[in-house]
Amino acid sequence: MYLSGTYTFNTFVDDQTLIFEKPSGSSTWTSITPNPGGAPGGTTASYTYAFSSGLYNIAIDWANECAPGLSAVQIVPP
């Protein structure tokens, strides 16, 4: 996906999630979230991240420690 500028990543998570970015052509993933967000019962969080203009891969890692669970991520452009 082509990204440029500062994006906001809003999350609602039960139990935890991590969001990563990787420029196209790179082999290195960088965490957008500083730590696994979330907790049993659901937690909201908001993270901002500045992208240089270019193509990026975005990966969302979600873990559920006990049923039920969910992960919702909203990406808000600049």
Protein backbone atom coordinates (compact mmCIF):
# COMPACT_ATOMS: atom_id res chain seq x y z
CA MET A 1 0.00 0.00 0.00
CA TYR A 2 1.28 3.51 -0.78
CA LEU A 3 1.66 5.60 2.40
CA SER A 4 2.90 9.13 3.02
CA GLY A 5 2.59 11.25 6.17
CA THR A 6 1.45 10.52 9.71
CA TYR A 7 -1.22 7.85 10.09
CA THR A 8 -3.25 6.95 13.18
CA PHE A 9 -3.88 3.32 14.07
CA ASN A 10 -6.89 2.89 16.38
CA THR A 11 -7.32 -0.52 17.97
CA PHE A 12 -9.89 -2.38 20.01
CA VAL A 13 -8.39 -5.63 21.20
CA ASP A 14 -9.19 -8.61 23.40
CA ASP A 15 -6.45 -9.86 24.26
CA GLN A 16 -3.39 -8.38 22.47
CA THR A 17 -2.18 -7.11 19.11
CA LEU A 18 0.97 -5.78 17.48
CA ILE A 19 1.13 -3.78 14.23
CA PHE A 20 4.25 -3.79 12.04
CA GLU A 21 5.38 -1.96 8.90
CA LYS A 22 7.97 -2.88 6.30
CA PRO A 23 8.95 -0.81 3.26
CA SER A 24 8.57 -2.77 0.03
CA GLY A 25 11.88 -4.37 -0.91
CA SER A 26 13.09 -4.37 2.70
CA SER A 27 13.50 -7.46 4.84
CA THR A 28 13.11 -5.59 8.15
CA TRP A 29 9.79 -5.24 10.00
CA THR A 30 9.37 -2.31 12.44
CA SER A 31 6.77 -2.27 15.22
CA ILE A 32 4.21 0.55 15.10
CA THR A 33 2.82 -0.47 18.49
CA PRO A 34 5.31 -0.07 21.36
CA ASN A 35 4.10 -3.20 23.19
CA PRO A 36 1.32 -5.78 22.90
CA GLY A 37 -1.79 -3.70 23.46
CA GLY A 38 -4.91 -5.11 24.96
CA ALA A 39 -6.16 -7.06 27.93
CA PRO A 40 -8.89 -9.57 28.68
CA GLY A 41 -12.27 -7.90 28.27
CA GLY A 42 -11.20 -5.46 25.55
CA THR A 43 -8.97 -2.41 25.43
CA THR A 44 -8.84 0.58 23.08
CA ALA A 45 -5.61 2.31 22.07
CA SER A 46 -4.41 4.80 19.49
CA TYR A 47 -0.95 4.95 17.90
CA THR A 48 0.51 7.43 15.40
CA TYR A 49 3.27 6.62 12.95
CA ALA A 50 5.01 8.82 10.36
CA PHE A 51 5.73 7.23 6.98
CA SER A 52 8.11 8.54 4.34
CA SER A 53 6.46 8.45 0.90
CA GLY A 54 6.57 4.93 -0.53
CA LEU A 55 5.12 1.44 -0.71
CA TYR A 56 4.74 -0.46 2.57
CA ASN A 57 3.56 -3.81 3.86
CA ILE A 58 1.44 -3.71 7.04
CA ALA A 59 1.12 -6.78 9.29
CA ILE A 60 -1.21 -7.20 12.24
CA ASP A 61 -0.39 -9.89 14.81
CA TRP A 62 -3.22 -10.85 17.16
CA ALA A 63 -3.20 -13.21 20.15
CA ASN A 64 -6.18 -14.50 22.10
CA GLU A 65 -5.27 -15.91 25.51
CA CYS A 66 -8.77 -17.17 26.29
CA ALA A 67 -12.10 -17.26 24.45
CA PRO A 68 -13.83 -15.18 23.25
CA GLY A 69 -11.60 -12.55 21.62
CA LEU A 70 -11.35 -10.03 18.82
CA SER A 71 -9.04 -7.53 17.17
CA ALA A 72 -10.27 -4.47 15.29
CA VAL A 73 -7.83 -2.02 13.70
CA GLN A 74 -8.78 1.25 12.01
CA ILE A 75 -6.13 3.00 9.87
CA VAL A 76 -6.76 6.76 9.61
CA PRO A 77 -4.81 8.64 6.91
CA PRO A 78 -3.37 12.14 7.43
